Amino acid sequence: MLAGSPALVVMMMAVLFRPGSFDPGSASPTAPAQTLFWVAFAGFFFGLTYGLLQIVGEMAVFRRERLADLGIGAYVASKVAVLTPVLVAVAVVMLGVLRALDRLPAASWPVYLALLVTIVVESLSALALGLLTSAAVSDASQATLALPMLCFPQVLFAGAVVPVPDMAGVGQVMSFALANRWAFESLGRVLHLDRLLAAMPTAPGFGDAFSGTALQGWAILTGSAVVLLLATAAVLAAKTRPGAR
């Protein structure tokens, strides 16, 4: 599943988008933004699904190990340490395959390194969300049911389906808390998507979403990962305190 899920997603993205999507003369002015959006969502999806069943399936073992003084911080950190290299490898393969198939534009190594950093920090934020959910639910079926509820907002409120300036006020507020929005905007900033869209008169408007640098998105995604991991540790501490059910 660790290998098959990314392979299937990358294959679908290669089939969905035509080569040369970032050519200013492309027949589809929506293709550049949509390509980056689904690349961003793929990073979120991989991190979330890898973390979603990590804890709930071994909660009984974790409770016993806590009696032998297993540290909660060490336990949570071990999950991140094991899965981070996997998420990095998945991101490298995804970017490499999409570039080789001309679904992403030609760019320098620093640009692709920035794209990689964006996807990895988003995947870690999603991994932390998956670990928190896995720690909070009671069984694997609840974790599975949580998957669509966690994914749908990331699709609807990230700013690609409906640009953030065009959302209702509540939707704009919700979008601030979504990892996929910041990853999508950071990818667009790395590739200067605002300049490309400006050369396409019929391209949709995204306001100032792609203005500036990707550092803001990286900082928000990193901060959210830290907060979610701390919340995961707090939930585990509450579940394993004496007398807890």
C-alpha atoms as a PDB file:
ATOM      1  CA  MET A   1       0.000   0.000   0.000  1.00  0.00           C
ATOM      2  CA  LEU A   2       2.876   2.395   0.750  1.00  0.00           C
ATOM      3  CA  ALA A   3       4.209   1.963  -2.790  1.00  0.00           C
ATOM      4  CA  GLY A   4       0.996   1.250  -4.695  1.00  0.00           C
ATOM      5  CA  SER A   5      -0.985   4.314  -3.616  1.00  0.00           C
ATOM      6  CA  PRO A   6       1.571   6.904  -4.871  1.00  0.00           C
ATOM      7  CA  ALA A   7       2.114   4.958  -8.092  1.00  0.00           C
ATOM      8  CA  LEU A   8      -1.612   4.934  -8.813  1.00  0.00           C
ATOM      9  CA  VAL A   9      -2.044   8.636  -8.000  1.00  0.00           C
ATOM     10  CA  VAL A  10       0.900   9.704 -10.199  1.00  0.00           C
ATOM     11  CA  MET A  11      -0.395   7.533 -13.042  1.00  0.00           C
ATOM     12  CA  MET A  12      -3.832   9.162 -12.826  1.00  0.00           C
ATOM     13  CA  MET A  13      -2.294  12.639 -12.827  1.00  0.00           C
ATOM     14  CA  ALA A  14      -0.235  11.757 -15.905  1.00  0.00           C
ATOM     15  CA  VAL A  15      -3.382  10.604 -17.683  1.00  0.00           C
ATOM     16  CA  LEU A  16      -5.471  13.577 -16.523  1.00  0.00           C
ATOM     17  CA  PHE A  17      -3.235  16.415 -17.727  1.00  0.00           C
ATOM     18  CA  ARG A  18      -1.776  16.931 -21.176  1.00  0.00           C
ATOM     19  CA  PRO A  19       1.934  17.609 -21.771  1.00  0.00           C
ATOM     20  CA  GLY A  20       2.952  21.250 -21.927  1.00  0.00           C
ATOM     21  CA  SER A  21       0.375  22.444 -19.406  1.00  0.00           C
ATOM     22  CA  PHE A  22       2.645  25.336 -18.407  1.00  0.00           C
ATOM     23  CA  ASP A  23       3.138  26.599 -21.944  1.00  0.00           C
ATOM     24  CA  PRO A  24       1.693  30.143 -22.165  1.00  0.00           C
ATOM     25  CA  GLY A  25       0.194  29.146 -25.519  1.00  0.00           C
ATOM     26  CA  SER A  26      -1.594  26.153 -23.997  1.00  0.00           C
ATOM     27  CA  ALA A  27      -5.203  25.700 -25.037  1.00  0.00           C
ATOM     28  CA  SER A  28      -6.259  25.222 -21.392  1.00  0.00           C
ATOM     29  CA  PRO A  29      -5.673  28.285 -19.198  1.00  0.00           C
ATOM     30  CA  THR A  30      -6.873  26.353 -16.149  1.00  0.00           C
ATOM     31  CA  ALA A  31      -4.311  23.547 -16.494  1.00  0.00           C
ATOM     32  CA  PRO A  32      -1.329  25.151 -14.685  1.00  0.00           C
ATOM     33  CA  ALA A  33      -3.237  25.952 -11.498  1.00  0.00           C
ATOM     34  CA  GLN A  34      -5.127  22.659 -11.544  1.00  0.00           C
ATOM     35  CA  THR A  35      -1.913  20.681 -12.000  1.00  0.00           C
ATOM     36  CA  LEU A  36      -0.271  22.370  -9.024  1.00  0.00           C
ATOM     37  CA  PHE A  37      -3.401  21.971  -6.939  1.00  0.00           C
ATOM     38  CA  TRP A  38      -3.523  18.209  -7.455  1.00  0.00           C
ATOM     39  CA  VAL A  39       0.214  17.898  -6.855  1.00  0.00           C
ATOM     40  CA  ALA A  40      -0.336  19.680  -3.548  1.00  0.00           C
ATOM     41  CA  PHE A  41      -3.328  17.525  -2.682  1.00  0.00           C
ATOM     42  CA  ALA A  42      -1.355  14.376  -3.475  1.00  0.00           C
ATOM     43  CA  GLY A  43       1.235  15.404  -0.884  1.00  0.00           C
ATOM     44  CA  PHE A  44      -1.526  15.948   1.673  1.00  0.00           C
ATOM     45  CA  PHE A  45      -3.230  12.663   0.819  1.00  0.00           C
ATOM     46  CA  PHE A  46      -0.047  10.613   1.158  1.00  0.00           C
ATOM     47  CA  GLY A  47       0.809  12.089   4.548  1.00  0.00           C
ATOM     48  CA  LEU A  48      -2.731  11.704   5.891  1.00  0.00           C
ATOM     49  CA  THR A  49      -3.234   8.121   4.764  1.00  0.00           C
ATOM     50  CA  TYR A  50       0.192   7.019   6.011  1.00  0.00           C
ATOM     51  CA  GLY A  51      -0.579   8.378   9.483  1.00  0.00           C
ATOM     52  CA  LEU A  52      -4.246   7.523   9.803  1.00  0.00           C
ATOM     53  CA  LEU A  53      -3.856   3.901  10.958  1.00  0.00           C
ATOM     54  CA  GLN A  54      -0.461   4.140  12.647  1.00  0.00           C
ATOM     55  CA  ILE A  55      -1.622   4.436  16.257  1.00  0.00           C
ATOM     56  CA  VAL A  56      -5.161   3.088  16.523  1.00  0.00           C
ATOM     57  CA  GLY A  57      -4.098  -0.392  15.425  1.00  0.00           C
ATOM     58  CA  GLU A  58      -1.490  -0.722  18.158  1.00  0.00           C
ATOM     59  CA  MET A  59      -3.149   1.137  21.017  1.00  0.00           C
ATOM     60  CA  ALA A  60      -3.330  -1.994  23.186  1.00  0.00           C
ATOM     61  CA  VAL A  61       0.393  -2.578  22.731  1.00  0.00           C
ATOM     62  CA  PHE A  62       1.109   1.093  23.408  1.00  0.00           C
ATOM     63  CA  ARG A  63      -0.827   0.956  26.696  1.00  0.00           C
ATOM     64  CA  ARG A  64       1.251  -2.033  27.859  1.00  0.00           C
ATOM     65  CA  GLU A  65       4.496  -0.368  26.827  1.00  0.00           C
ATOM     66  CA  ARG A  66       3.512   2.745  28.768  1.00  0.00           C
ATOM     67  CA  LEU A  67       3.570   0.577  31.892  1.00  0.00           C
ATOM     68  CA  ALA A  68       7.246  -0.035  31.089  1.00  0.00           C
ATOM     69  CA  ASP A  69       7.839   3.739  30.891  1.00  0.00           C
ATOM     70  CA  LEU A  70       7.699   4.158  27.121  1.00  0.00           C
ATOM     71  CA  GLY A  71       7.865   7.894  26.492  1.00  0.00           C
ATOM     72  CA  ILE A  72       4.962   9.399  24.569  1.00  0.00           C
ATOM     73  CA  GLY A  73       7.231  11.911  22.863  1.00  0.00           C
ATOM     74  CA  ALA A  74       9.610   9.167  21.767  1.00  0.00           C
ATOM     75  CA  TYR A  75       6.713   7.090  20.451  1.00  0.00           C
ATOM     76  CA  VAL A  76       5.274   9.943  18.375  1.00  0.00           C
ATOM     77  CA  ALA A  77       8.747  10.953  17.165  1.00  0.00           C
ATOM     78  CA  SER A  78       9.425   7.384  16.039  1.00  0.00           C
ATOM     79  CA  LYS A  79       6.397   7.507  13.753  1.00  0.00           C
ATOM     80  CA  VAL A  80       7.602  10.743  12.178  1.00  0.00           C
ATOM     81  CA  ALA A  81      11.183   9.486  11.874  1.00  0.00           C
ATOM     82  CA  VAL A  82      10.168   6.279  10.101  1.00  0.00           C
ATOM     83  CA  LEU A  83       7.628   7.813   7.721  1.00  0.00           C
ATOM     84  CA  THR A  84       9.442  11.038   6.780  1.00  0.00           C
ATOM     85  CA  PRO A  85      11.983   9.319   4.471  1.00  0.00           C
ATOM     86  CA  VAL A  86       9.103   7.477   2.805  1.00  0.00           C
ATOM     87  CA  LEU A  87       7.237  10.731   2.178  1.00  0.00           C
ATOM     88  CA  VAL A  88      10.400  12.375   0.826  1.00  0.00           C
ATOM     89  CA  ALA A  89      10.966   9.464  -1.558  1.00  0.00           C
ATOM     90  CA  VAL A  90       7.345   9.594  -2.739  1.00  0.00           C
ATOM     91  CA  ALA A  91       7.597  13.345  -3.384  1.00  0.00           C
ATOM     92  CA  VAL A  92      10.863  12.934  -5.320  1.00  0.00           C
ATOM     93  CA  VAL A  93       9.383  10.205  -7.517  1.00  0.00           C
ATOM     94  CA  MET A  94       6.180  12.161  -8.134  1.00  0.00           C
ATOM     95  CA  LEU A  95       8.016  15.319  -9.179  1.00  0.00           C
ATOM     96  CA  GLY A  96      10.491  13.352 -11.276  1.00  0.00           C
ATOM     97  CA  VAL A  97       7.838  11.388 -13.153  1.00  0.00           C
ATOM     98  CA  LEU A  98       5.630  14.413 -13.798  1.00  0.00           C
ATOM     99  CA  ARG A  99       8.607  16.422 -15.049  1.00  0.00           C
ATOM    100  CA  ALA A 100       9.779  13.550 -17.274  1.00  0.00           C
ATOM    101  CA  LEU A 101       6.280  13.374 -18.785  1.00  0.00           C
ATOM    102  CA  ASP A 102       6.228  17.174 -19.289  1.00  0.00           C
ATOM    103  CA  ARG A 103       3.355  17.670 -16.864  1.00  0.00           C
ATOM    104  CA  LEU A 104       5.563  20.100 -14.926  1.00  0.00           C
ATOM    105  CA  PRO A 105       7.662  22.864 -16.499  1.00  0.00           C
ATOM    106  CA  ALA A 106      11.391  22.821 -17.118  1.00  0.00           C
ATOM    107  CA  ALA A 107      13.151  24.610 -14.274  1.00  0.00           C
ATOM    108  CA  SER A 108      16.431  24.695 -12.383  1.00  0.00           C
ATOM    109  CA  TRP A 109      17.386  22.390  -9.521  1.00  0.00           C
ATOM    110  CA  PRO A 110      16.803  25.089  -6.883  1.00  0.00           C
ATOM    111  CA  VAL A 111      13.246  25.513  -8.146  1.00  0.00           C
ATOM    112  CA  TYR A 112      12.547  21.799  -7.945  1.00  0.00           C
ATOM    113  CA  LEU A 113      14.180  21.644  -4.528  1.00  0.00           C
ATOM    114  CA  ALA A 114      11.741  24.332  -3.382  1.00  0.00           C
ATOM    115  CA  LEU A 115       8.851  22.328  -4.853  1.00  0.00           C
ATOM    116  CA  LEU A 116      10.112  19.273  -2.979  1.00  0.00           C
ATOM    117  CA  VAL A 117      10.355  21.164   0.314  1.00  0.00           C
ATOM    118  CA  THR A 118       6.797  22.421  -0.140  1.00  0.00           C
ATOM    119  CA  ILE A 119       5.387  18.952  -0.722  1.00  0.00           C
ATOM    120  CA  VAL A 120       7.376  17.399   2.121  1.00  0.00           C
ATOM    121  CA  VAL A 121       6.373  19.966   4.757  1.00  0.00           C
ATOM    122  CA  GLU A 122       2.749  19.639   3.661  1.00  0.00           C
ATOM    123  CA  SER A 123       2.994  15.852   3.859  1.00  0.00           C
ATOM    124  CA  LEU A 124       4.414  16.136   7.383  1.00  0.00           C
ATOM    125  CA  SER A 125       1.564  18.433   8.401  1.00  0.00           C
ATOM    126  CA  ALA A 126      -0.917  15.924   6.968  1.00  0.00           C
ATOM    127  CA  LEU A 127       0.961  13.067   8.660  1.00  0.00           C
ATOM    128  CA  ALA A 128       0.606  14.867  11.982  1.00  0.00           C
ATOM    129  CA  LEU A 129      -3.128  15.296  11.329  1.00  0.00           C
ATOM    130  CA  GLY A 130      -3.386  11.595  10.534  1.00  0.00           C
ATOM    131  CA  LEU A 131      -1.533  10.652  13.724  1.00  0.00           C
ATOM    132  CA  LEU A 132      -3.794  12.896  15.802  1.00  0.00           C
ATOM    133  CA  THR A 133      -6.885  11.333  14.255  1.00  0.00           C
ATOM    134  CA  SER A 134      -5.447   7.851  14.742  1.00  0.00           C
ATOM    135  CA  ALA A 135      -4.810   8.595  18.400  1.00  0.00           C
ATOM    136  CA  ALA A 136      -8.272  10.091  18.954  1.00  0.00           C
ATOM    137  CA  VAL A 137     -10.498   7.407  17.378  1.00  0.00           C
ATOM    138  CA  SER A 138     -11.469   4.140  19.028  1.00  0.00           C
ATOM    139  CA  ASP A 139     -10.953   1.696  16.164  1.00  0.00           C
ATOM    140  CA  ALA A 140      -9.720   1.434  12.581  1.00  0.00           C
ATOM    141  CA  SER A 141     -13.201   1.756  11.084  1.00  0.00           C
ATOM    142  CA  GLN A 142     -13.597   5.205  12.624  1.00  0.00           C
ATOM    143  CA  ALA A 143     -10.225   6.235  11.189  1.00  0.00           C
ATOM    144  CA  THR A 144     -11.321   5.051   7.749  1.00  0.00           C
ATOM    145  CA  LEU A 145     -14.578   7.012   7.982  1.00  0.00           C
ATOM    146  CA  ALA A 146     -12.603  10.107   8.971  1.00  0.00           C
ATOM    147  CA  LEU A 147     -10.588  10.050   5.717  1.00  0.00           C
ATOM    148  CA  PRO A 148     -13.190  11.683   3.414  1.00  0.00           C
ATOM    149  CA  MET A 149     -14.194  14.186   6.103  1.00  0.00           C
ATOM    150  CA  LEU A 150     -10.580  15.321   6.382  1.00  0.00           C
ATOM    151  CA  CYS A 151      -9.977  15.364   2.618  1.00  0.00           C
ATOM    152  CA  PHE A 152     -13.069  17.167   1.303  1.00  0.00           C
ATOM    153  CA  PRO A 153     -12.359  20.527   2.976  1.00  0.00           C
ATOM    154  CA  GLN A 154      -8.805  20.387   1.616  1.00  0.00           C
ATOM    155  CA  VAL A 155     -10.252  20.126  -1.893  1.00  0.00           C
ATOM    156  CA  LEU A 156     -13.083  22.634  -1.613  1.00  0.00           C
ATOM    157  CA  PHE A 157     -11.425  25.433   0.359  1.00  0.00           C
ATOM    158  CA  ALA A 158      -7.830  25.355  -0.899  1.00  0.00           C
ATOM    159  CA  GLY A 159      -8.487  28.099  -3.438  1.00  0.00           C
ATOM    160  CA  ALA A 160      -8.336  26.111  -6.681  1.00  0.00           C
ATOM    161  CA  VAL A 161     -11.977  25.070  -7.089  1.00  0.00           C
ATOM    162  CA  VAL A 162     -13.115  28.505  -5.919  1.00  0.00           C
ATOM    163  CA  PRO A 163     -10.434  31.213  -5.539  1.00  0.00           C
ATOM    164  CA  VAL A 164     -10.157  32.432  -1.952  1.00  0.00           C
ATOM    165  CA  PRO A 165     -11.275  36.013  -2.815  1.00  0.00           C
ATOM    166  CA  ASP A 166     -14.496  34.586  -4.296  1.00  0.00           C
ATOM    167  CA  MET A 167     -15.379  32.485  -1.233  1.00  0.00           C
ATOM    168  CA  ALA A 168     -17.966  33.451   1.323  1.00  0.00           C
ATOM    169  CA  GLY A 169     -16.552  34.962   4.491  1.00  0.00           C
ATOM    170  CA  VAL A 170     -16.777  31.723   6.490  1.00  0.00           C
ATOM    171  CA  GLY A 171     -15.053  29.830   3.677  1.00  0.00           C
ATOM    172  CA  GLN A 172     -12.192  32.313   3.627  1.00  0.00           C
ATOM    173  CA  VAL A 173     -11.704  31.854   7.358  1.00  0.00           C
ATOM    174  CA  MET A 174     -11.779  28.065   7.014  1.00  0.00           C
ATOM    175  CA  SER A 175      -9.195  28.165   4.252  1.00  0.00           C
ATOM    176  CA  PHE A 176      -6.615  29.655   6.632  1.00  0.00           C
ATOM    177  CA  ALA A 177      -6.546  26.403   8.612  1.00  0.00           C
ATOM    178  CA  LEU A 178      -6.046  24.093   5.630  1.00  0.00           C
ATOM    179  CA  ALA A 179      -2.632  22.721   4.720  1.00  0.00           C
ATOM    180  CA  ASN A 180      -3.568  22.264   1.078  1.00  0.00           C
ATOM    181  CA  ARG A 181      -4.191  25.974   0.587  1.00  0.00           C
ATOM    182  CA  TRP A 182      -0.715  26.939   1.773  1.00  0.00           C
ATOM    183  CA  ALA A 183       0.961  24.178  -0.209  1.00  0.00           C
ATOM    184  CA  PHE A 184      -0.963  25.119  -3.360  1.00  0.00           C
ATOM    185  CA  GLU A 185      -0.055  28.783  -3.007  1.00  0.00           C
ATOM    186  CA  SER A 186       3.573  27.966  -2.181  1.00  0.00           C
ATOM    187  CA  LEU A 187       3.931  25.789  -5.272  1.00  0.00           C
ATOM    188  CA  GLY A 188       2.470  28.591  -7.375  1.00  0.00           C
ATOM    189  CA  ARG A 189       4.867  31.101  -5.858  1.00  0.00           C
ATOM    190  CA  VAL A 190       7.877  28.889  -6.521  1.00  0.00           C
ATOM    191  CA  LEU A 191       6.905  28.603 -10.205  1.00  0.00           C
ATOM    192  CA  HIS A 192       5.773  32.270 -10.455  1.00  0.00           C
ATOM    193  CA  LEU A 193       2.317  31.179 -11.506  1.00  0.00           C
ATOM    194  CA  ASP A 194       1.044  34.756 -11.294  1.00  0.00           C
ATOM    195  CA  ARG A 195       3.265  35.744 -14.244  1.00  0.00           C
ATOM    196  CA  LEU A 196       2.181  32.742 -16.285  1.00  0.00           C
ATOM    197  CA  LEU A 197      -1.522  33.364 -15.669  1.00  0.00           C
ATOM    198  CA  ALA A 198      -1.102  37.041 -16.526  1.00  0.00           C
ATOM    199  CA  ALA A 199      -0.034  35.947 -20.032  1.00  0.00           C
ATOM    200  CA  MET A 200      -3.300  33.996 -20.403  1.00  0.00           C
ATOM    201  CA  PRO A 201      -6.199  36.468 -20.720  1.00  0.00           C
ATOM    202  CA  THR A 202      -8.839  33.813 -20.071  1.00  0.00           C
ATOM    203  CA  ALA A 203      -7.120  32.296 -17.036  1.00  0.00           C
ATOM    204  CA  PRO A 204      -9.071  32.417 -13.751  1.00  0.00           C
ATOM    205  CA  GLY A 205      -8.074  35.065 -11.235  1.00  0.00           C
ATOM    206  CA  PHE A 206      -6.546  34.078  -7.904  1.00  0.00           C
ATOM    207  CA  GLY A 207      -5.938  37.512  -6.437  1.00  0.00           C
ATOM    208  CA  ASP A 208      -2.564  37.767  -4.724  1.00  0.00           C
ATOM    209  CA  ALA A 209      -2.406  34.046  -3.878  1.00  0.00           C
ATOM    210  CA  PHE A 210       0.803  33.548  -5.831  1.00  0.00           C
ATOM    211  CA  SER A 211       2.518  36.812  -4.937  1.00  0.00           C
ATOM    212  CA  GLY A 212       5.567  36.776  -2.693  1.00  0.00           C
ATOM    213  CA  THR A 213       7.676  33.783  -1.661  1.00  0.00           C
ATOM    214  CA  ALA A 214       6.917  30.288  -0.437  1.00  0.00           C
ATOM    215  CA  LEU A 215       8.440  30.957   2.996  1.00  0.00           C
ATOM    216  CA  GLN A 216       5.119  32.002   4.505  1.00  0.00           C
ATOM    217  CA  GLY A 217       3.493  28.738   3.468  1.00  0.00           C
ATOM    218  CA  TRP A 218       6.440  26.706   4.722  1.00  0.00           C
ATOM    219  CA  ALA A 219       6.293  28.422   8.110  1.00  0.00           C
ATOM    220  CA  ILE A 220       2.550  27.849   8.480  1.00  0.00           C
ATOM    221  CA  LEU A 221       2.798  24.193   7.448  1.00  0.00           C
ATOM    222  CA  THR A 222       5.724  23.566   9.802  1.00  0.00           C
ATOM    223  CA  GLY A 223       3.935  25.274  12.663  1.00  0.00           C
ATOM    224  CA  SER A 224       0.758  23.287  12.079  1.00  0.00           C
ATOM    225  CA  ALA A 225       2.742  20.025  12.059  1.00  0.00           C
ATOM    226  CA  VAL A 226       4.304  20.890  15.428  1.00  0.00           C
ATOM    227  CA  VAL A 227       0.950  21.849  16.960  1.00  0.00           C
ATOM    228  CA  LEU A 228      -0.740  18.673  15.678  1.00  0.00           C
ATOM    229  CA  LEU A 229       2.072  16.454  16.966  1.00  0.00           C
ATOM    230  CA  LEU A 230       1.836  18.084  20.394  1.00  0.00           C
ATOM    231  CA  ALA A 231      -1.919  17.517  20.308  1.00  0.00           C
ATOM    232  CA  THR A 232      -1.305  13.864  19.417  1.00  0.00           C
ATOM    233  CA  ALA A 233       0.968  13.477  22.426  1.00  0.00           C
ATOM    234  CA  ALA A 234      -1.646  15.142  24.649  1.00  0.00           C
ATOM    235  CA  VAL A 235      -4.383  12.775  23.434  1.00  0.00           C
ATOM    236  CA  LEU A 236      -2.162   9.754  24.050  1.00  0.00           C
ATOM    237  CA  ALA A 237      -1.312  11.010  27.520  1.00  0.00           C
ATOM    238  CA  ALA A 238      -5.005  11.415  28.315  1.00  0.00           C
ATOM    239  CA  LYS A 239      -5.846   7.946  27.013  1.00  0.00           C
ATOM    240  CA  THR A 240      -3.125   6.217  29.007  1.00  0.00           C
ATOM    241  CA  ARG A 241      -3.392   8.015  32.327  1.00  0.00           C
ATOM    242  CA  PRO A 242      -4.427   5.839  35.277  1.00  0.00           C
ATOM    243  CA  GLY A 243      -8.165   5.178  35.233  1.00  0.00           C
ATOM    244  CA  ALA A 244      -8.630   6.236  31.583  1.00  0.00           C
ATOM    245  CA  ARG A 245     -10.814   4.020  29.381  1.00  0.00           C
END
